[in-house]
Amino acid sequence: MAMSWSVAAGFAARPRSSLPEMADEILLAFSTFPNIETARRIARQLVTENFVACANIIPAVESIYRWQGKIEAGNETLVLFKTTAARSAAFQEKLKSLHPYDVPEIICLRIADGSPEYLRWVAENSG
C-alpha cells in the first residue's frame, strides 16, 4: 500500500478525538504593555500568583491603532501568557486590575494541539 510522504514522516494531522482532553482547556493569551518593565512586573506577579503557568515577553512590537477617534502608533511590549480556561476569568480580572491601560488588550485563544507533556505542565501550573 502506498503511503504519502506526510504520513510516512509523521506529519499527518491526528484526528480531533485523539488529542489530549486538556488541549481544550489550555489558552494562549496576548496582552500588550507600554514598556518592558511594566510587562515584566505584571508577568512575574501573574506567574507567582498562579494565574498563568508561563509568560513570554517580546520586548519590541510596533502597534498602529485607532484610539478616541485618532490613529495612533507606538512601541509596545507583547506578552504571551499560557493558562487554562478554568482560570481565564480570574486571570483577565487580575490582569485588568494591574494593567496601566484604560482598555488593555486581552485576547485568549484555545490551543487545539500541542505537546501533551507541555499542555499537562500548563494545566498543573495555572492554579
N, C-alpha and C. Protein backbone atom coordinates (compact mmCIF):
# COMPACT_ATOMS: atom_id res chain seq x y z
N MET A 1 0.85 -1.17 0.00
CA MET A 1 0.00 0.00 0.00
C MET A 1 0.90 1.24 0.00
N ALA A 2 0.57 2.17 -0.87
CA ALA A 2 1.35 3.41 -0.96
C ALA A 2 0.99 4.33 0.20
N MET A 3 2.00 5.04 0.70
CA MET A 3 1.78 5.96 1.82
C MET A 3 2.29 7.33 1.41
N SER A 4 1.55 8.37 1.74
CA SER A 4 2.00 9.71 1.40
C SER A 4 3.24 10.06 2.22
N TRP A 5 4.03 11.01 1.69
CA TRP A 5 5.22 11.44 2.40
C TRP A 5 4.87 12.00 3.77
N SER A 6 3.79 12.79 3.86
CA SER A 6 3.45 13.42 5.14
C SER A 6 3.09 12.39 6.19
N VAL A 7 2.40 11.32 5.79
CA VAL A 7 2.05 10.27 6.74
C VAL A 7 3.32 9.52 7.15
N ALA A 8 4.15 9.17 6.17
CA ALA A 8 5.38 8.43 6.47
C ALA A 8 6.31 9.24 7.38
N ALA A 9 6.33 10.54 7.20
CA ALA A 9 7.21 11.39 8.00
C ALA A 9 6.60 11.76 9.35
N GLY A 10 5.36 11.36 9.57
CA GLY A 10 4.72 11.66 10.85
C GLY A 10 4.05 13.01 10.91
N PHE A 11 3.81 13.65 9.76
CA PHE A 11 3.22 14.98 9.74
C PHE A 11 1.72 14.99 9.51
N ALA A 12 1.11 13.84 9.34
CA ALA A 12 -0.32 13.81 9.09
C ALA A 12 -1.06 14.29 10.33
N ALA A 13 -2.11 15.01 10.10
CA ALA A 13 -2.91 15.53 11.22
C ALA A 13 -3.55 14.37 11.97
N ARG A 14 -3.55 14.49 13.29
CA ARG A 14 -4.22 13.49 14.10
C ARG A 14 -5.71 13.79 14.13
N PRO A 15 -6.53 12.75 14.20
CA PRO A 15 -7.97 13.01 14.34
C PRO A 15 -8.23 13.79 15.61
N ARG A 16 -9.21 14.67 15.59
CA ARG A 16 -9.54 15.52 16.74
C ARG A 16 -9.77 14.70 18.00
N SER A 17 -10.37 13.54 17.86
CA SER A 17 -10.69 12.73 19.03
C SER A 17 -9.44 12.19 19.73
N SER A 18 -8.29 12.17 19.05
CA SER A 18 -7.09 11.64 19.68
C SER A 18 -6.28 12.69 20.43
N LEU A 19 -6.70 13.95 20.35
CA LEU A 19 -5.99 14.99 21.08
C LEU A 19 -6.23 14.83 22.57
N PRO A 20 -5.25 15.22 23.38
CA PRO A 20 -5.47 15.15 24.83
C PRO A 20 -6.65 16.05 25.21
N GLU A 21 -7.47 15.57 26.10
CA GLU A 21 -8.62 16.37 26.53
C GLU A 21 -8.19 17.72 27.08
N MET A 22 -7.01 17.77 27.70
CA MET A 22 -6.57 19.02 28.30
C MET A 22 -6.28 20.09 27.26
N ALA A 23 -6.07 19.72 25.99
CA ALA A 23 -5.82 20.73 24.96
C ALA A 23 -7.00 21.69 24.86
N ASP A 24 -8.20 21.21 25.11
CA ASP A 24 -9.38 22.07 25.06
C ASP A 24 -9.39 23.08 26.21
N GLU A 25 -8.59 22.83 27.23
CA GLU A 25 -8.58 23.66 28.41
C GLU A 25 -7.47 24.71 28.43
N ILE A 26 -6.49 24.57 27.57
CA ILE A 26 -5.33 25.45 27.61
C ILE A 26 -5.56 26.66 26.70
N LEU A 27 -5.21 27.83 27.21
CA LEU A 27 -5.37 29.07 26.46
C LEU A 27 -4.01 29.75 26.28
N LEU A 28 -3.86 30.42 25.14
CA LEU A 28 -2.74 31.31 24.89
C LEU A 28 -3.34 32.70 24.89
N ALA A 29 -2.90 33.54 25.80
CA ALA A 29 -3.45 34.89 25.93
C ALA A 29 -2.39 35.91 25.52
N PHE A 30 -2.82 36.93 24.79
CA PHE A 30 -1.95 38.01 24.33
C PHE A 30 -2.32 39.29 25.07
N SER A 31 -1.31 40.06 25.45
CA SER A 31 -1.56 41.39 26.00
C SER A 31 -0.35 42.27 25.71
N THR A 32 -0.61 43.53 25.40
CA THR A 32 0.48 44.48 25.15
C THR A 32 0.61 45.43 26.34
N PHE A 33 1.85 45.92 26.53
CA PHE A 33 2.17 46.79 27.64
C PHE A 33 2.98 47.98 27.13
N PRO A 34 2.99 49.09 27.87
CA PRO A 34 3.69 50.28 27.39
C PRO A 34 5.21 50.14 27.37
N ASN A 35 5.76 49.23 28.20
CA ASN A 35 7.22 49.07 28.26
C ASN A 35 7.56 47.73 28.88
N ILE A 36 8.82 47.35 28.75
CA ILE A 36 9.24 46.03 29.22
C ILE A 36 9.21 45.92 30.75
N GLU A 37 9.49 47.00 31.45
CA GLU A 37 9.49 46.95 32.91
C GLU A 37 8.09 46.62 33.44
N THR A 38 7.08 47.28 32.89
CA THR A 38 5.70 47.02 33.30
C THR A 38 5.31 45.59 32.94
N ALA A 39 5.68 45.16 31.73
CA ALA A 39 5.37 43.79 31.30
C ALA A 39 6.00 42.77 32.23
N ARG A 40 7.26 42.96 32.58
CA ARG A 40 7.96 42.02 33.47
C ARG A 40 7.31 41.97 34.85
N ARG A 41 7.01 43.14 35.39
CA ARG A 41 6.43 43.20 36.74
C ARG A 41 5.09 42.47 36.77
N ILE A 42 4.24 42.75 35.81
CA ILE A 42 2.90 42.13 35.80
C ILE A 42 2.99 40.64 35.47
N ALA A 43 3.84 40.27 34.52
CA ALA A 43 4.00 38.86 34.16
C ALA A 43 4.50 38.06 35.36
N ARG A 44 5.49 38.60 36.06
CA ARG A 44 6.03 37.89 37.23
C ARG A 44 4.95 37.72 38.30
N GLN A 45 4.14 38.74 38.52
CA GLN A 45 3.09 38.63 39.53
C GLN A 45 2.05 37.59 39.13
N LEU A 46 1.67 37.57 37.86
CA LEU A 46 0.67 36.59 37.41
C LEU A 46 1.19 35.16 37.50
N VAL A 47 2.49 34.95 37.23
CA VAL A 47 3.08 33.62 37.38
C VAL A 47 3.18 33.27 38.86
N THR A 48 3.68 34.20 39.67
CA THR A 48 3.84 33.97 41.10
C THR A 48 2.52 33.60 41.78
N GLU A 49 1.46 34.27 41.37
CA GLU A 49 0.15 34.04 41.99
C GLU A 49 -0.66 32.95 41.28
N ASN A 50 -0.03 32.19 40.41
CA ASN A 50 -0.64 31.04 39.72
C ASN A 50 -1.84 31.36 38.83
N PHE A 51 -1.90 32.57 38.30
CA PHE A 51 -2.93 32.86 37.31
C PHE A 51 -2.53 32.29 35.95
N VAL A 52 -1.22 32.21 35.71
CA VAL A 52 -0.67 31.66 34.47
C VAL A 52 0.51 30.76 34.80
N ALA A 53 0.80 29.82 33.91
CA ALA A 53 1.95 28.94 34.10
C ALA A 53 3.22 29.58 33.58
N CYS A 54 3.07 30.43 32.56
CA CYS A 54 4.24 30.94 31.86
C CYS A 54 3.88 32.26 31.19
N ALA A 55 4.87 33.12 31.05
CA ALA A 55 4.72 34.36 30.30
C ALA A 55 5.97 34.55 29.46
N ASN A 56 5.78 34.72 28.16
CA ASN A 56 6.89 35.01 27.25
C ASN A 56 6.81 36.48 26.87
N ILE A 57 7.89 37.21 27.09
CA ILE A 57 7.91 38.65 26.85
C ILE A 57 8.65 38.92 25.54
N ILE A 58 7.96 39.59 24.63
CA ILE A 58 8.53 40.01 23.36
C ILE A 58 8.72 41.51 23.46
N PRO A 59 9.95 41.97 23.60
CA PRO A 59 10.20 43.35 24.01
C PRO A 59 9.86 44.46 23.03
N ALA A 60 9.76 44.19 21.76
CA ALA A 60 9.54 45.32 20.84
C ALA A 60 8.55 44.95 19.74
N VAL A 61 7.37 45.50 19.83
CA VAL A 61 6.39 45.41 18.75
C VAL A 61 5.91 46.82 18.45
N GLU A 62 5.60 47.06 17.21
CA GLU A 62 5.05 48.35 16.82
C GLU A 62 3.55 48.18 16.65
N SER A 63 2.78 49.03 17.30
CA SER A 63 1.33 48.95 17.22
C SER A 63 0.78 50.19 16.52
N ILE A 64 -0.17 49.97 15.65
CA ILE A 64 -0.91 51.04 14.99
C ILE A 64 -2.38 50.77 15.27
N TYR A 65 -3.08 51.76 15.82
CA TYR A 65 -4.45 51.52 16.26
C TYR A 65 -5.24 52.83 16.28
N ARG A 66 -6.55 52.67 16.36
CA ARG A 66 -7.43 53.83 16.49
C ARG A 66 -7.79 53.97 17.96
N TRP A 67 -7.61 55.16 18.51
CA TRP A 67 -7.96 55.42 19.91
C TRP A 67 -8.61 56.79 19.99
N GLN A 68 -9.81 56.82 20.51
CA GLN A 68 -10.59 58.05 20.68
C GLN A 68 -10.63 58.88 19.40
N GLY A 69 -10.89 58.17 18.29
CA GLY A 69 -11.08 58.82 17.00
C GLY A 69 -9.83 59.20 16.24
N LYS A 70 -8.65 58.91 16.79
CA LYS A 70 -7.40 59.25 16.11
C LYS A 70 -6.59 57.99 15.85
N ILE A 71 -5.82 58.01 14.78
CA ILE A 71 -4.90 56.92 14.50
C ILE A 71 -3.63 57.17 15.32
N GLU A 72 -3.26 56.19 16.11
CA GLU A 72 -2.09 56.27 16.98
C GLU A 72 -1.07 55.22 16.55
N ALA A 73 0.15 55.42 16.93
CA ALA A 73 1.21 54.43 16.71
C ALA A 73 2.18 54.51 17.87
N GLY A 74 2.74 53.37 18.22
CA GLY A 74 3.70 53.38 19.31
C GLY A 74 4.37 52.04 19.47
N ASN A 75 5.48 52.07 20.19
CA ASN A 75 6.19 50.83 20.52
C ASN A 75 5.61 50.27 21.81
N GLU A 76 5.42 48.96 21.82
CA GLU A 76 4.87 48.29 22.99
C GLU A 76 5.65 47.00 23.23
N THR A 77 5.39 46.38 24.34
CA THR A 77 5.92 45.07 24.68
C THR A 77 4.76 44.09 24.68
N LEU A 78 4.93 42.98 23.98
CA LEU A 78 3.89 41.95 23.88
C LEU A 78 4.22 40.81 24.83
N VAL A 79 3.22 40.35 25.56
CA VAL A 79 3.41 39.19 26.43
C VAL A 79 2.42 38.10 26.01
N LEU A 80 2.95 36.88 25.89
CA LEU A 80 2.15 35.70 25.62
C LEU A 80 2.04 34.92 26.92
N PHE A 81 0.82 34.75 27.40
CA PHE A 81 0.57 34.04 28.64
C PHE A 81 -0.03 32.67 28.33
N LYS A 82 0.32 31.65 29.11
CA LYS A 82 -0.30 30.34 29.00
C LYS A 82 -1.05 30.06 30.28
N THR A 83 -2.35 29.75 30.13
CA THR A 83 -3.19 29.49 31.28
C THR A 83 -4.26 28.47 30.89
N THR A 84 -5.22 28.27 31.77
CA THR A 84 -6.30 27.33 31.48
C THR A 84 -7.62 28.07 31.34
N ALA A 85 -8.57 27.43 30.67
CA ALA A 85 -9.90 28.01 30.52
C ALA A 85 -10.53 28.22 31.90
N ALA A 86 -10.26 27.31 32.81
CA ALA A 86 -10.82 27.43 34.16
C ALA A 86 -10.31 28.67 34.89
N ARG A 87 -9.10 29.11 34.57
CA ARG A 87 -8.50 30.29 35.23
C ARG A 87 -8.69 31.57 34.42
N SER A 88 -9.30 31.47 33.25
CA SER A 88 -9.38 32.61 32.34
C SER A 88 -10.06 33.83 32.95
N ALA A 89 -11.21 33.67 33.54
CA ALA A 89 -11.94 34.82 34.10
C ALA A 89 -11.12 35.49 35.21
N ALA A 90 -10.55 34.68 36.11
CA ALA A 90 -9.74 35.24 37.20
C ALA A 90 -8.48 35.91 36.65
N PHE A 91 -7.84 35.27 35.66
CA PHE A 91 -6.65 35.85 35.02
C PHE A 91 -6.99 37.20 34.40
N GLN A 92 -8.07 37.26 33.63
CA GLN A 92 -8.43 38.52 32.98
C GLN A 92 -8.76 39.61 33.99
N GLU A 93 -9.47 39.26 35.04
CA GLU A 93 -9.81 40.24 36.08
C GLU A 93 -8.54 40.78 36.75
N LYS A 94 -7.62 39.86 37.09
CA LYS A 94 -6.38 40.27 37.75
C LYS A 94 -5.53 41.12 36.81
N LEU A 95 -5.41 40.70 35.54
CA LEU A 95 -4.63 41.47 34.58
C LEU A 95 -5.20 42.87 34.40
N LYS A 96 -6.51 42.99 34.30
CA LYS A 96 -7.13 44.32 34.17
C LYS A 96 -6.82 45.18 35.39
N SER A 97 -6.81 44.58 36.57
CA SER A 97 -6.56 45.36 37.79
C SER A 97 -5.11 45.85 37.87
N LEU A 98 -4.18 45.15 37.24
CA LEU A 98 -2.77 45.51 37.29
C LEU A 98 -2.34 46.38 36.11
N HIS A 99 -3.09 46.32 35.02
CA HIS A 99 -2.67 46.92 33.75
C HIS A 99 -2.83 48.44 33.75
N PRO A 100 -1.86 49.17 33.20
CA PRO A 100 -1.96 50.63 33.18
C PRO A 100 -2.89 51.19 32.10
N TYR A 101 -3.24 50.41 31.09
CA TYR A 101 -4.10 50.92 30.02
C TYR A 101 -5.56 50.95 30.45
N ASP A 102 -6.31 51.94 29.94
CA ASP A 102 -7.75 52.01 30.20
C ASP A 102 -8.47 50.79 29.65
N VAL A 103 -8.07 50.37 28.45
CA VAL A 103 -8.66 49.19 27.79
C VAL A 103 -7.50 48.28 27.37
N PRO A 104 -7.04 47.43 28.27
CA PRO A 104 -5.91 46.57 27.92
C PRO A 104 -6.31 45.51 26.89
N GLU A 105 -5.37 45.22 26.00
CA GLU A 105 -5.57 44.13 25.06
C GLU A 105 -5.47 42.82 25.83
N ILE A 106 -6.54 42.05 25.80
CA ILE A 106 -6.53 40.70 26.38
C ILE A 106 -7.27 39.82 25.37
N ILE A 107 -6.52 39.02 24.65
CA ILE A 107 -7.08 38.13 23.64
C ILE A 107 -6.67 36.71 24.00
N CYS A 108 -7.63 35.82 24.15
CA CYS A 108 -7.35 34.43 24.52
C CYS A 108 -7.73 33.49 23.39
N LEU A 109 -6.81 32.61 23.04
CA LEU A 109 -7.05 31.60 22.01
C LEU A 109 -6.94 30.22 22.62
N ARG A 110 -7.87 29.34 22.26
CA ARG A 110 -7.78 27.96 22.72
C ARG A 110 -6.70 27.23 21.93
N ILE A 111 -5.95 26.39 22.62
CA ILE A 111 -4.91 25.59 21.98
C ILE A 111 -5.55 24.31 21.45
N ALA A 112 -5.42 24.07 20.15
CA ALA A 112 -6.03 22.90 19.52
C ALA A 112 -5.15 21.67 19.63
N ASP A 113 -3.85 21.86 19.74
CA ASP A 113 -2.94 20.74 19.77
C ASP A 113 -1.62 21.21 20.36
N GLY A 114 -0.82 20.27 20.79
CA GLY A 114 0.48 20.60 21.34
C GLY A 114 1.07 19.41 22.04
N SER A 115 2.24 19.57 22.54
CA SER A 115 2.91 18.51 23.29
C SER A 115 2.07 18.16 24.51
N PRO A 116 1.64 16.91 24.63
CA PRO A 116 0.83 16.53 25.81
C PRO A 116 1.53 16.85 27.12
N GLU A 117 2.85 16.66 27.16
CA GLU A 117 3.59 16.94 28.39
C GLU A 117 3.56 18.43 28.73
N TYR A 118 3.70 19.27 27.70
CA TYR A 118 3.67 20.72 27.93
C TYR A 118 2.28 21.17 28.34
N LEU A 119 1.26 20.67 27.65
CA LEU A 119 -0.11 21.05 28.00
C LEU A 119 -0.45 20.64 29.43
N ARG A 120 0.01 19.46 29.82
CA ARG A 120 -0.20 18.99 31.20
C ARG A 120 0.52 19.93 32.18
N TRP A 121 1.74 20.33 31.85
CA TRP A 121 2.51 21.23 32.71
C TRP A 121 1.77 22.56 32.86
N VAL A 122 1.23 23.12 31.77
CA VAL A 122 0.48 24.37 31.86
C VAL A 122 -0.72 24.18 32.78
N ALA A 123 -1.46 23.10 32.59
CA ALA A 123 -2.64 22.85 33.43
C ALA A 123 -2.26 22.73 34.89
N GLU A 124 -1.16 22.05 35.19
CA GLU A 124 -0.73 21.84 36.58
C GLU A 124 -0.17 23.11 37.23
N ASN A 125 0.25 24.08 36.42
CA ASN A 125 0.90 25.27 36.97
C ASN A 125 0.11 26.55 36.78
N SER A 126 -1.17 26.42 36.51
CA SER A 126 -2.05 27.59 36.37
C SER A 126 -3.10 27.59 37.47
N GLY A 127 -2.67 27.38 38.68
CA GLY A 127 -3.56 27.45 39.83
C GLY A 127 -4.37 26.24 40.00
